Protein backbone atom coordinates (compact mmCIF):
# COMPACT_ATOMS: atom_id res chain seq x y z
CA MET A 1 0.00 0.00 0.00
CA ASN A 2 1.15 3.51 -0.81
CA SER A 3 1.03 6.03 2.03
CA THR A 4 1.70 9.01 -0.21
CA ALA A 5 -1.84 9.17 -1.65
CA VAL A 6 -2.50 12.69 -2.94
CA ILE A 7 -4.89 14.66 -5.15
CA ALA A 8 -4.27 17.92 -7.01
CA ILE A 9 -6.77 20.12 -8.85
CA HIS A 10 -6.83 23.20 -11.06
CA GLY A 11 -9.58 25.61 -12.04
CA GLY A 12 -7.97 27.53 -14.88
CA ALA A 13 -4.98 29.82 -15.42
CA GLY A 14 -4.63 33.38 -16.61
CA THR A 15 -3.77 37.02 -16.00
CA ILE A 16 -4.15 38.59 -12.57
CA LEU A 17 -7.01 41.09 -12.64
CA ARG A 18 -5.38 44.48 -12.10
CA ALA A 19 -8.54 46.58 -11.92
CA SER A 20 -9.89 45.30 -8.63
CA MET A 21 -8.96 42.42 -6.44
CA ALA A 22 -11.80 41.74 -4.07
CA SER A 23 -10.72 39.73 -1.06
CA ASP A 24 -14.17 38.17 -0.69
CA ALA A 25 -13.92 36.74 -4.20
CA GLU A 26 -10.46 35.35 -3.44
CA GLN A 27 -11.86 33.73 -0.32
CA ARG A 28 -14.69 32.16 -2.35
CA TYR A 29 -12.24 30.60 -4.77
CA HIS A 30 -10.04 29.30 -1.97
CA ALA A 31 -13.08 27.91 -0.16
CA GLU A 32 -14.34 26.07 -3.27
CA LEU A 33 -10.89 24.67 -4.07
CA HIS A 34 -10.55 23.52 -0.46
CA HIS A 35 -14.00 21.89 -0.54
CA VAL A 36 -13.20 19.97 -3.73
CA LEU A 37 -9.79 18.87 -2.46
CA ALA A 38 -11.27 17.66 0.82
CA ALA A 39 -13.81 15.56 -1.08
CA GLY A 40 -11.15 13.95 -3.27
CA GLN A 41 -8.91 13.46 -0.26
CA GLY A 42 -11.78 11.67 1.49
CA VAL A 43 -12.14 9.24 -1.42
CA LEU A 44 -8.42 8.40 -1.25
CA ALA A 45 -8.38 8.15 2.56
CA ALA A 46 -11.18 5.56 2.39
CA GLY A 47 -9.05 3.43 0.05
CA GLY A 48 -10.81 4.60 -3.10
CA SER A 49 -9.12 4.58 -6.48
CA ALA A 50 -7.38 7.52 -8.11
CA LEU A 51 -10.02 7.24 -10.83
CA ASP A 52 -12.78 7.66 -8.24
CA ALA A 53 -11.00 10.63 -6.66
CA VAL A 54 -10.50 12.59 -9.88
CA SER A 55 -14.05 11.80 -11.03
CA GLU A 56 -15.52 13.21 -7.83
CA ALA A 57 -13.26 16.27 -7.81
CA VAL A 58 -14.06 17.23 -11.39
CA ARG A 59 -17.78 16.56 -10.88
CA LEU A 60 -17.78 19.06 -8.02
CA LEU A 61 -15.85 21.60 -10.12
CA GLU A 62 -18.43 21.14 -12.91
CA ASP A 63 -21.22 21.89 -10.45
CA CYS A 64 -19.55 25.09 -9.18
CA PRO A 65 -20.48 28.24 -11.17
CA LEU A 66 -17.10 29.86 -10.44
CA PHE A 67 -15.33 27.61 -12.94
CA ASN A 68 -15.66 27.19 -16.71
CA ALA A 69 -17.05 23.65 -16.81
CA GLY A 70 -20.56 22.32 -16.35
CA HIS A 71 -22.78 24.88 -14.62
CA GLY A 72 -20.27 27.72 -15.08
CA ALA A 73 -19.51 27.02 -18.74
CA VAL A 74 -18.91 29.91 -21.15
CA PHE A 75 -21.05 30.80 -24.18
CA THR A 76 -20.21 29.93 -27.79
CA ALA A 77 -20.56 32.44 -30.62
CA GLU A 78 -24.06 31.01 -31.14
CA GLY A 79 -25.02 31.80 -27.55
CA THR A 80 -25.01 28.11 -26.62
CA HIS A 81 -22.86 25.91 -24.38
CA GLU A 82 -20.70 23.06 -25.67
CA LEU A 83 -18.93 20.96 -23.08
CA ASP A 84 -15.89 18.67 -23.32
CA ALA A 85 -14.33 16.22 -20.85
CA SER A 86 -11.82 13.38 -20.63
CA ILE A 87 -10.48 10.92 -18.08
CA MET A 88 -7.67 8.37 -18.05
CA ASP A 89 -6.69 5.47 -15.80
CA GLY A 90 -2.94 5.12 -15.34
CA ARG A 91 -3.27 1.52 -14.22
CA THR A 92 -4.71 0.22 -17.51
CA LEU A 93 -4.15 3.14 -19.91
CA GLU A 94 -7.90 3.07 -20.54
CA ALA A 95 -9.47 6.43 -21.36
CA GLY A 96 -12.83 7.99 -22.10
CA ALA A 97 -13.81 11.36 -23.56
CA ILE A 98 -16.76 13.32 -24.91
CA SER A 99 -16.95 16.65 -26.74
CA CYS A 100 -19.51 19.21 -27.88
CA VAL A 101 -22.31 18.04 -25.59
CA THR A 102 -25.06 20.52 -24.77
CA ARG A 103 -27.40 18.84 -22.29
CA VAL A 104 -25.26 16.56 -20.12
CA ARG A 105 -25.10 17.87 -16.56
CA ASN A 106 -21.74 16.27 -15.69
CA PRO A 107 -19.62 15.54 -18.76
CA ILE A 108 -16.85 13.95 -16.68
CA LEU A 109 -19.17 11.19 -15.48
CA VAL A 110 -20.13 10.34 -19.06
CA ALA A 111 -16.46 10.36 -20.10
CA ARG A 112 -15.78 7.86 -17.33
CA ARG A 113 -18.61 5.64 -18.51
CA VAL A 114 -17.09 5.70 -22.01
CA LEU A 115 -13.87 4.44 -20.40
CA GLU A 116 -15.68 1.69 -18.53
CA ALA A 117 -18.47 0.57 -20.85
CA SER A 118 -17.46 1.32 -24.44
CA GLU A 119 -14.93 -0.17 -26.83
CA HIS A 120 -14.32 3.41 -28.02
CA VAL A 121 -12.35 6.23 -26.41
CA MET A 122 -14.28 9.29 -27.60
CA PHE A 123 -17.77 10.31 -28.64
CA THR A 124 -18.79 13.74 -29.90
CA GLY A 125 -21.96 15.82 -30.22
CA ALA A 126 -25.17 13.90 -30.87
CA GLY A 127 -23.35 10.57 -30.60
CA ALA A 128 -22.00 11.45 -27.18
CA GLU A 129 -25.46 12.50 -25.99
CA ALA A 130 -27.02 9.32 -27.37
CA PHE A 131 -24.43 7.30 -25.44
CA ALA A 132 -25.14 9.30 -22.28
CA ALA A 133 -28.89 8.80 -22.68
CA ALA A 134 -28.50 5.06 -23.24
CA GLN A 135 -26.41 4.86 -20.08
CA GLY A 136 -29.05 6.70 -18.04
CA PHE A 137 -27.18 9.91 -17.28
CA GLU A 138 -28.85 13.09 -16.06
CA PHE A 139 -29.76 15.58 -18.78
CA VAL A 140 -30.56 19.24 -18.13
CA ASP A 141 -32.16 22.02 -20.09
CA PRO A 142 -29.38 24.09 -21.73
CA ALA A 143 -30.51 27.01 -19.54
CA TYR A 144 -28.96 25.15 -16.60
CA PHE A 145 -25.52 26.17 -17.85
CA HIS A 146 -26.42 29.87 -17.97
CA THR A 147 -24.80 32.12 -15.40
CA ASP A 148 -25.12 35.91 -15.50
CA ALA A 149 -21.35 36.25 -15.08
CA ARG A 150 -20.55 34.22 -18.20
CA TYR A 151 -23.32 35.96 -20.15
CA LYS A 152 -21.73 39.36 -19.43
CA GLN A 153 -18.37 38.02 -20.57
CA TRP A 154 -19.95 36.78 -23.77
CA LEU A 155 -21.64 40.10 -24.55
CA LEU A 156 -18.31 41.84 -24.07
CA ALA A 157 -16.51 39.34 -26.29
CA ARG A 158 -19.11 39.75 -29.01
CA GLY A 159 -18.62 43.50 -28.82
CA GLN A 160 -14.90 42.97 -29.30
CA GLN A 161 -15.53 40.57 -32.22
CA GLY A 162 -13.33 37.84 -30.89
CA SER A 163 -11.95 35.83 -28.06
CA MET A 164 -11.96 37.17 -24.54
CA LEU A 165 -8.31 36.21 -24.20
CA ASP A 166 -7.17 39.20 -26.25
CA HIS A 167 -9.06 41.83 -24.33
CA ASP A 168 -8.06 43.94 -21.35
CA GLY A 169 -10.14 42.85 -18.38
CA ALA A 170 -10.16 46.30 -16.83
CA THR A 171 -12.95 47.18 -19.26
CA LEU A 172 -15.21 44.49 -17.90
CA ALA A 173 -14.47 45.46 -14.32
CA SER A 174 -15.28 49.10 -14.97
CA GLN A 175 -18.36 48.49 -17.11
CA SER A 176 -19.97 45.85 -14.93
CA SER A 177 -21.81 46.47 -11.74
CA ALA A 178 -21.02 43.76 -9.25
CA GLN A 179 -23.98 41.69 -8.16
CA PRO A 180 -23.86 39.54 -5.00
CA ASP A 181 -24.28 36.37 -7.05
CA ASP A 182 -22.02 37.53 -9.87
CA PRO A 183 -18.32 37.10 -9.01
CA THR A 184 -17.03 38.01 -12.46
CA PRO A 185 -16.10 41.70 -12.12
CA HIS A 186 -13.94 40.83 -9.13
CA GLU A 187 -12.49 37.47 -10.11
CA PRO A 188 -8.89 37.19 -8.90
CA ILE A 189 -7.94 36.10 -12.42
CA ASP A 190 -9.01 38.39 -15.26
CA PRO A 191 -11.93 36.60 -16.96
CA ASN A 192 -10.83 38.03 -20.32
CA ARG A 193 -7.35 36.55 -20.08
CA LYS A 194 -8.36 33.36 -18.35
CA PHE A 195 -8.05 29.87 -19.76
CA GLY A 196 -11.01 28.18 -18.20
CA THR A 197 -10.66 24.47 -17.72
CA VAL A 198 -10.92 22.32 -14.61
CA GLY A 199 -8.98 19.19 -13.84
CA ALA A 200 -7.70 16.75 -11.26
CA VAL A 201 -4.88 14.24 -10.90
CA ALA A 202 -4.43 11.71 -8.12
CA LEU A 203 -2.28 8.91 -6.75
CA ASP A 204 -4.16 6.35 -4.66
CA GLN A 205 -3.04 4.08 -1.81
CA HIS A 206 -2.56 1.24 -4.28
CA GLY A 207 0.06 3.16 -6.27
CA HIS A 208 -2.15 3.96 -9.26
CA VAL A 209 -2.58 7.37 -10.90
CA ALA A 210 -5.44 8.94 -12.86
CA ALA A 211 -6.26 12.26 -14.52
CA ALA A 212 -9.47 14.05 -15.52
CA THR A 213 -10.17 17.32 -17.36
CA SER A 214 -13.40 19.19 -18.20
CA THR A 215 -14.23 22.52 -19.86
CA GLY A 216 -16.78 24.79 -21.46
CA GLY A 217 -14.09 25.96 -23.90
CA LEU A 218 -13.40 29.54 -24.97
CA THR A 219 -15.84 32.40 -24.58
CA ASN A 220 -17.39 33.19 -27.99
CA LYS A 221 -15.71 30.15 -29.58
CA GLN A 222 -17.07 28.94 -32.91
CA ALA A 223 -19.69 26.24 -32.49
CA GLY A 224 -18.05 22.85 -32.95
CA ARG A 225 -14.62 23.99 -31.80
CA VAL A 226 -12.83 21.36 -29.73
CA GLY A 227 -9.82 22.24 -27.62
CA ASP A 228 -7.28 20.15 -25.76
CA ALA A 229 -9.43 19.20 -22.75
CA PRO A 230 -11.08 16.07 -24.21
CA LEU A 231 -8.02 14.94 -26.16
CA ILE A 232 -5.97 12.17 -24.57
CA GLY A 233 -2.33 13.27 -24.58
CA ALA A 234 -3.09 16.96 -24.99
CA GLY A 235 -5.35 17.93 -22.09
CA CYS A 236 -5.26 14.71 -20.09
CA TYR A 237 -2.89 11.77 -19.68
CA ALA A 238 -2.13 9.11 -17.08
CA ASP A 239 0.30 6.19 -16.90
CA ASP A 240 1.40 4.47 -13.68
CA ALA A 241 4.88 4.12 -15.17
CA THR A 242 5.33 7.89 -15.28
CA CYS A 243 2.63 10.32 -14.15
CA ALA A 244 -0.88 11.75 -14.44
CA VAL A 245 -1.38 15.18 -16.03
CA SER A 246 -4.28 17.63 -16.52
CA THR A 247 -3.70 20.88 -18.40
CA THR A 248 -5.30 24.30 -18.70
CA GLY A 249 -4.37 26.95 -21.21
CA SER A 250 -4.51 28.03 -24.82
CA GLY A 251 -5.90 24.71 -26.02
CA GLU A 252 -4.72 24.85 -29.61
CA MET A 253 -1.10 25.22 -28.46
CA PHE A 254 -1.42 22.38 -25.94
CA MET A 255 -2.83 20.22 -28.76
CA ARG A 256 0.05 21.07 -31.09
CA MET A 257 2.57 20.21 -28.36
CA VAL A 258 0.67 17.12 -27.13
CA ALA A 259 1.52 18.74 -23.81
CA ALA A 260 0.14 16.24 -21.28
CA TYR A 261 1.80 13.26 -22.96
CA ASP A 262 5.05 15.17 -23.38
CA VAL A 263 5.48 15.33 -19.61
CA ALA A 264 5.14 11.55 -19.37
CA ALA A 265 7.33 10.98 -22.42
CA GLN A 266 10.17 13.11 -21.06
CA MET A 267 10.09 11.12 -17.83
CA ALA A 268 10.15 7.84 -19.75
CA TYR A 269 12.67 8.68 -22.45
CA ARG A 270 14.89 11.34 -20.87
CA GLY A 271 14.73 9.86 -17.40
CA VAL A 272 14.04 13.23 -15.79
CA SER A 273 11.92 13.91 -12.72
CA LEU A 274 8.26 14.87 -12.80
CA GLU A 275 9.09 18.44 -11.85
CA GLU A 276 11.78 18.81 -14.53
CA ALA A 277 9.60 17.33 -17.27
CA ALA A 278 6.59 19.49 -16.41
CA ALA A 279 8.69 22.64 -16.13
CA ASP A 280 10.26 22.02 -19.53
CA VAL A 281 6.86 21.65 -21.20
CA VAL A 282 5.28 24.70 -19.52
CA MET A 283 8.24 27.07 -19.30
CA ASN A 284 10.26 26.16 -22.41
CA ARG A 285 8.32 24.28 -25.05
CA LEU A 286 4.86 25.87 -24.92
CA PRO A 287 6.10 29.50 -24.92
CA ARG A 288 7.89 28.87 -28.23
CA ILE A 289 4.48 28.82 -29.92
CA ASN A 290 2.92 31.36 -27.53
CA GLY A 291 1.27 28.64 -25.48
CA ARG A 292 -0.05 30.09 -22.22
CA GLY A 293 -1.40 28.26 -19.20
CA GLY A 294 -0.26 25.50 -16.92
CA LEU A 295 -0.76 21.95 -15.73
CA ILE A 296 -0.99 19.79 -12.65
CA ALA A 297 0.78 16.46 -12.38
CA VAL A 298 1.50 13.67 -9.91
CA ASP A 299 3.79 10.66 -10.22
CA ALA A 300 3.65 7.17 -8.72
CA ARG A 301 5.93 8.22 -5.85
CA GLY A 302 3.58 10.98 -4.74
CA ASN A 303 5.52 13.91 -6.14
CA VAL A 304 3.24 16.78 -7.17
CA THR A 305 3.98 19.74 -9.44
CA LEU A 306 1.71 22.61 -10.55
CA PRO A 307 3.68 24.82 -12.98
CA PHE A 308 2.14 27.66 -15.02
CA ASN A 309 3.51 30.45 -17.23
CA THR A 310 0.68 32.90 -16.64
CA GLU A 311 0.40 35.23 -13.63
CA GLY A 312 -1.99 32.94 -11.84
CA MET A 313 -3.69 29.53 -11.78
CA TYR A 314 -6.46 28.35 -9.48
CA ARG A 315 -4.88 25.26 -7.93
CA GLY A 316 -4.32 23.13 -4.88
CA PHE A 317 -3.33 19.72 -3.58
CA ALA A 318 -4.12 17.55 -0.59
CA ARG A 319 -2.18 14.60 0.79
CA VAL A 320 -4.11 12.06 2.82
CA GLY A 321 -3.76 13.00 6.47
CA GLU A 322 -2.69 16.59 5.78
CA ALA A 323 -4.58 19.86 5.37
CA PRO A 324 -5.37 20.87 1.76
CA VAL A 325 -3.17 23.62 0.26
CA THR A 326 -4.75 26.10 -2.20
CA ALA A 327 -3.29 28.96 -4.23
CA ILE A 328 -4.18 31.45 -6.97
CA TYR A 329 -1.12 33.60 -7.63
CA ARG A 330 2.52 32.77 -8.26
């Protein structure tokens, strides 16, 4: 049995919001990260699998409106929501993924069922929803994914004729009036320069690792666009022989670099440590093609690393028997 069981999570990376940093918003993010970590930690402490731990952590992140996945998902250019998710078991190298779903409440749970119950790895759009329906998963009206905060971001992005990532967030902060249930104007990370994905990686007491990633994609993205989150090797990867990785960032760049797999490959082929491999991918390789964001990773010995090349990343980790640690800034 492995006594170094640990879980790590992320909730997106991006630029620190300069216009206004509300301490109550920071506290909300820390509280949610802590809550999710404690839940995953509980699964591991009870002897649960890494796969169970990352599934539960990402499900909770999908249900939290603060993060761009599930209930807090961003709007497409069509004013709709298209969700992506993936999960991988380091013990067997089995994986499951879905993309472009519009009515599935918890995409990560469907991705896991693909891993467990299908001969395939990935379903998309109508096929993914048909699979989810056949497996008895909960469907919601698309309005379930609407949050006022994301709607404001979308209206601003439409006005700028493009992606939120290229726009100065001070505009949103100054133009928006903060509502009690609308954290956006005072998010610690600028919502306009934020790469919104959620993810989890874990090592269980049996020495196995797993990774899971889920996202609503980019604000004002073209309908049908798929980023790195549901792609095995780009946004998610796990192998007991090396590590488990979940990424968040400019998805197209992470896809081009096969970023999650690259961490594992460097460990396997270069013989470097988890920390060195992850740092090389995030700090050296991705910036060459203007790739921005970060990743979380854990290896079979319980080492954890959470590198990012942006100013901030919602993140944290929790070892069994120890208090969860959460962070936003560098």
